[in-house]
Amino acid sequence: MPGTRCYVPECNSMGNINKITMRNLPFFDPEVMAIWKSRIGNPSIDSCNDIKIDRNRYRVCDRHFDKWCILVGEKRLCRDSLPTLNLLNYFGESTEITSRYHLFQNLKCQTISANINFLHEENETTQLNLLPGPSTSNIDDHLMQEVLTKPATPPRNILQKLKIRKKVELSPKTRLLYDEVNKLRKVCSRLRRNRKNKRSVKDDLHLANELIMNPCFDRVNSLTRQFMMSQITQQYKAIFF
């Protein structure tokens, strides 16, 4: 089935069988695309033009990317992420820079230094001289690390705020708290709906009172009048009690 097999040589990952995420090639950036080709080293695609490549067929599985390449709380890769793991043509460390625009030398030790290394197509590094300014040694390391590891998109739920991808990773006590928070959220949403329904019922009661005071209401027989009042009363009790 096209688009399910990883095209890295000697990698037998199948997206539909191994339940592993498959990544599309970065056609939007020719420079990043060239780095992917040189590291993966598949002759069937190295000689092809990017326009002629079947985008649904040639993909790379998640086994060739470091865990830091994946955005926190999401399944998307960071922009300009590069494959570094389980490659025949590349033997780099998994802790090195996996993106050209990450401002730290080591993914496990996220610090800023005067020399910032950027990955290039030939795996060469260039040194950028920072402008003179106040030293960063007095800056709180925790604050600097929090700034560097901030996700590209704002978190949308509690697990993303805790930087946890799955509920299974929570401790038993934390799971109980997480479930309680979800219950409280449901209660709040139910109260909002009830408040909205109360307003609509009050409007209906107001209209019913106006109908009773209307002289035309005397022409309605007693059975119809009793049925109308019972329906209004039941609806009122269902909302308020």
Protein backbone atom coordinates (compact mmCIF):
# COMPACT_ATOMS: atom_id res chain seq x y z
CA MET A 1 0.00 0.00 0.00
CA PRO A 2 1.68 3.30 -1.06
CA GLY A 3 2.66 5.77 1.60
CA THR A 4 2.94 3.24 4.46
CA ARG A 5 6.52 1.91 4.14
CA CYS A 6 9.54 3.89 5.36
CA TYR A 7 11.90 4.47 2.43
CA VAL A 8 15.07 4.51 4.58
CA PRO A 9 17.30 1.58 3.50
CA GLU A 10 17.07 -1.51 5.75
CA CYS A 11 14.11 -0.03 7.64
CA ASN A 12 11.06 -2.27 7.51
CA SER A 13 8.64 0.02 9.34
CA MET A 14 5.08 -0.08 8.05
CA GLY A 15 2.74 2.66 9.21
CA ASN A 16 -0.43 0.58 8.99
CA ILE A 17 1.15 -2.54 10.59
CA ASN A 18 3.61 -1.22 13.20
CA LYS A 19 1.30 1.67 14.20
CA ILE A 20 4.12 4.17 13.77
CA THR A 21 3.81 7.71 12.47
CA MET A 22 5.17 8.35 8.98
CA ARG A 23 6.61 11.77 8.10
CA ASN A 24 6.36 13.47 4.72
CA LEU A 25 9.48 14.79 3.02
CA PRO A 26 10.13 18.55 3.40
CA PHE A 27 9.36 19.57 -0.18
CA PHE A 28 8.73 23.16 0.98
CA ASP A 29 12.46 23.75 1.73
CA PRO A 30 15.01 22.54 -0.86
CA GLU A 31 17.93 22.95 1.57
CA VAL A 32 16.33 20.77 4.26
CA MET A 33 15.24 18.32 1.56
CA ALA A 34 18.87 17.97 0.40
CA ILE A 35 20.01 17.18 3.96
CA TRP A 36 17.30 14.53 4.30
CA LYS A 37 18.39 12.91 1.02
CA SER A 38 22.09 12.90 1.94
CA ARG A 39 21.47 11.36 5.36
CA ILE A 40 18.93 8.76 4.29
CA GLY A 41 20.86 7.64 1.22
CA ASN A 42 18.17 5.94 -0.81
CA PRO A 43 19.41 5.69 -4.45
CA SER A 44 15.86 5.39 -5.80
CA ILE A 45 15.09 8.95 -4.76
CA ASP A 46 18.51 10.64 -4.75
CA SER A 47 18.59 10.86 -8.54
CA CYS A 48 14.96 11.96 -8.91
CA ASN A 49 13.77 15.51 -9.23
CA ASP A 50 11.68 16.75 -6.30
CA ILE A 51 8.80 17.50 -8.64
CA LYS A 52 8.70 13.91 -9.95
CA ILE A 53 8.79 12.30 -6.48
CA ASP A 54 5.58 10.62 -5.37
CA ARG A 55 4.79 12.45 -2.14
CA ASN A 56 2.38 9.79 -0.93
CA ARG A 57 4.88 6.97 -1.44
CA TYR A 58 8.18 8.20 0.00
CA ARG A 59 7.94 8.83 3.73
CA VAL A 60 10.17 8.50 6.81
CA CYS A 61 9.06 6.88 10.07
CA ASP A 62 9.48 8.31 13.57
CA ARG A 63 12.30 5.85 14.41
CA HIS A 64 14.76 8.13 12.62
CA PHE A 65 13.92 11.29 14.63
CA ASP A 66 14.92 12.23 18.14
CA LYS A 67 12.08 12.69 20.62
CA TRP A 68 12.98 16.37 20.96
CA CYS A 69 11.99 16.90 17.32
CA ILE A 70 8.31 16.34 18.16
CA LEU A 71 6.37 19.30 19.54
CA VAL A 72 5.20 18.92 23.14
CA GLY A 73 1.62 17.74 23.34
CA GLU A 74 1.35 17.28 19.58
CA LYS A 75 2.35 14.81 16.87
CA ARG A 76 3.88 17.33 14.49
CA LEU A 77 7.62 17.71 13.97
CA CYS A 78 9.37 20.96 14.73
CA ARG A 79 10.06 23.04 11.67
CA ASP A 80 13.28 22.09 9.84
CA SER A 81 13.76 18.93 11.92
CA LEU A 82 16.42 16.56 10.59
CA PRO A 83 16.66 12.74 10.86
CA THR A 84 19.54 11.58 13.10
CA LEU A 85 18.75 8.04 14.29
CA ASN A 86 19.14 4.60 12.67
CA LEU A 87 20.63 5.90 9.40
CA LEU A 88 23.25 4.07 7.31
CA ASN A 89 24.80 7.24 5.86
CA TYR A 90 24.80 9.20 9.12
CA PHE A 91 26.30 8.30 12.49
CA GLY A 92 25.68 11.49 14.47
CA GLU A 93 24.77 11.52 18.13
CA SER A 94 21.10 11.61 18.99
CA THR A 95 21.73 14.49 21.40
CA GLU A 96 23.09 16.90 18.80
CA ILE A 97 21.18 19.66 17.12
CA THR A 98 18.31 18.19 15.10
CA SER A 99 17.10 21.49 13.70
CA ARG A 100 19.08 24.23 12.00
CA TYR A 101 17.41 26.99 14.00
CA HIS A 102 17.61 25.64 17.57
CA LEU A 103 19.68 28.03 19.67
CA PHE A 104 21.42 25.42 21.78
CA GLN A 105 24.33 23.07 21.21
CA ASN A 106 22.96 20.08 23.05
CA LEU A 107 19.32 19.08 23.26
CA LYS A 108 19.72 17.60 26.74
CA CYS A 109 21.71 20.60 27.98
CA GLN A 110 19.83 23.60 26.64
CA THR A 111 22.13 26.58 27.14
CA ILE A 112 23.16 29.58 25.07
CA SER A 113 26.85 30.17 24.35
CA ALA A 114 28.79 32.66 22.29
CA ASN A 115 29.27 30.14 19.48
CA ILE A 116 26.02 28.97 17.90
CA ASN A 117 26.37 25.97 15.61
CA PHE A 118 24.06 25.56 12.66
CA LEU A 119 23.81 22.36 10.62
CA HIS A 120 24.48 22.70 6.92
CA GLU A 121 24.20 20.39 3.96
CA GLU A 122 27.83 19.29 4.21
CA ASN A 123 27.63 18.92 8.04
CA GLU A 124 29.91 21.92 8.44
CA THR A 125 29.56 24.39 11.29
CA THR A 126 30.00 28.13 11.29
CA GLN A 127 30.59 30.34 14.28
CA LEU A 128 28.49 33.44 14.78
CA ASN A 129 29.93 36.19 16.93
CA LEU A 130 27.29 37.65 19.18
CA LEU A 131 27.04 41.39 19.65
CA PRO A 132 28.60 42.70 22.88
CA GLY A 133 26.07 43.03 25.63
CA PRO A 134 25.29 42.00 29.20
CA SER A 135 26.47 38.55 30.19
CA THR A 136 23.90 35.77 30.32
CA SER A 137 25.58 34.07 33.28
CA ASN A 138 23.37 35.97 35.73
CA ILE A 139 20.16 34.90 34.02
CA ASP A 140 18.19 32.24 35.79
CA ASP A 141 18.86 28.90 34.05
CA HIS A 142 15.34 27.68 34.69
CA LEU A 143 13.82 30.76 33.07
CA MET A 144 16.13 30.50 30.06
CA GLN A 145 15.33 26.81 29.66
CA GLU A 146 11.61 27.54 29.84
CA VAL A 147 11.91 30.14 27.10
CA LEU A 148 13.85 27.80 24.83
CA THR A 149 11.52 24.84 25.29
CA LYS A 150 8.28 26.80 24.81
CA PRO A 151 6.14 25.04 22.15
CA ALA A 152 5.36 26.74 18.88
CA THR A 153 1.61 26.63 19.54
CA PRO A 154 -0.12 27.45 22.85
CA PRO A 155 -1.28 24.46 24.92
CA ARG A 156 -4.91 23.50 24.54
CA ASN A 157 -5.49 21.22 27.53
CA ILE A 158 -4.07 20.21 30.89
CA LEU A 159 -1.80 17.47 29.56
CA GLN A 160 -0.10 19.92 27.20
CA LYS A 161 0.46 22.38 30.05
CA LEU A 162 2.09 19.56 32.04
CA LYS A 163 4.17 18.64 28.96
CA ILE A 164 2.70 15.13 28.97
CA ARG A 165 1.57 13.46 25.77
CA LYS A 166 -0.61 10.67 27.19
CA LYS A 167 -2.71 10.22 30.30
CA VAL A 168 -0.93 6.92 31.00
CA GLU A 169 2.24 8.83 31.90
CA LEU A 170 0.52 10.43 34.91
CA SER A 171 0.92 9.01 38.40
CA PRO A 172 -2.17 7.41 40.04
CA LYS A 173 -2.83 10.42 42.29
CA THR A 174 -2.38 12.82 39.40
CA ARG A 175 -4.83 10.79 37.33
CA LEU A 176 -7.45 11.16 40.05
CA LEU A 177 -6.91 14.92 40.10
CA TYR A 178 -7.09 15.00 36.30
CA ASP A 179 -10.41 13.11 36.36
CA GLU A 180 -11.78 15.44 39.04
CA VAL A 181 -10.87 18.48 36.96
CA ASN A 182 -12.67 16.99 33.97
CA LYS A 183 -15.73 16.31 36.15
CA LEU A 184 -15.73 19.90 37.38
CA ARG A 185 -15.50 21.13 33.82
CA LYS A 186 -18.52 19.05 32.87
CA VAL A 187 -20.43 20.39 35.89
CA CYS A 188 -19.58 23.96 34.91
CA SER A 189 -20.74 23.41 31.35
CA ARG A 190 -23.97 21.81 32.63
CA LEU A 191 -24.59 24.77 34.95
CA ARG A 192 -24.07 27.16 32.06
CA ARG A 193 -26.62 25.25 30.00
CA ASN A 194 -29.08 25.23 32.93
CA ARG A 195 -28.66 28.96 33.42
CA LYS A 196 -29.39 29.49 29.76
CA ASN A 197 -32.44 27.22 29.99
CA LYS A 198 -33.68 29.06 33.08
CA ARG A 199 -33.64 32.30 31.20
CA SER A 200 -35.65 30.77 28.36
CA VAL A 201 -38.15 29.25 30.86
CA LYS A 202 -38.59 32.60 32.59
CA ASP A 203 -39.37 34.14 29.23
CA ASP A 204 -41.91 31.37 28.57
CA LEU A 205 -43.55 31.97 31.96
CA HIS A 206 -43.73 35.66 31.24
CA LEU A 207 -45.44 34.96 27.94
CA ALA A 208 -47.77 32.47 29.64
CA ASN A 209 -48.82 35.05 32.23
CA GLU A 210 -49.51 37.52 29.46
CA LEU A 211 -51.58 34.85 27.72
CA ILE A 212 -53.60 34.19 30.88
CA MET A 213 -54.29 37.88 31.31
CA ASN A 214 -55.43 38.11 27.71
CA PRO A 215 -59.24 38.23 27.38
CA CYS A 216 -59.11 35.69 24.55
CA PHE A 217 -57.84 33.07 27.03
CA ASP A 218 -61.32 32.89 28.60
CA ARG A 219 -62.65 31.37 25.41
CA VAL A 220 -60.37 28.32 25.78
CA ASN A 221 -62.08 25.38 27.49
CA SER A 222 -60.93 24.18 30.91
CA LEU A 223 -59.18 20.99 29.69
CA THR A 224 -56.97 22.88 27.25
CA ARG A 225 -56.17 25.44 29.93
CA GLN A 226 -55.17 22.76 32.44
CA PHE A 227 -52.99 20.99 29.87
CA MET A 228 -51.13 24.20 28.99
CA MET A 229 -50.50 25.09 32.64
CA SER A 230 -49.31 21.55 33.48
CA GLN A 231 -46.80 21.60 30.62
CA ILE A 232 -45.41 24.95 31.74
CA THR A 233 -45.17 23.75 35.37
CA GLN A 234 -43.36 20.51 34.44
CA GLN A 235 -40.86 22.38 32.33
CA TYR A 236 -40.25 24.82 35.17
CA LYS A 237 -39.67 22.01 37.70
CA ALA A 238 -37.33 20.11 35.37
CA ILE A 239 -35.07 23.13 35.06
CA PHE A 240 -35.13 24.60 38.56
CA PHE A 241 -35.37 21.41 40.61
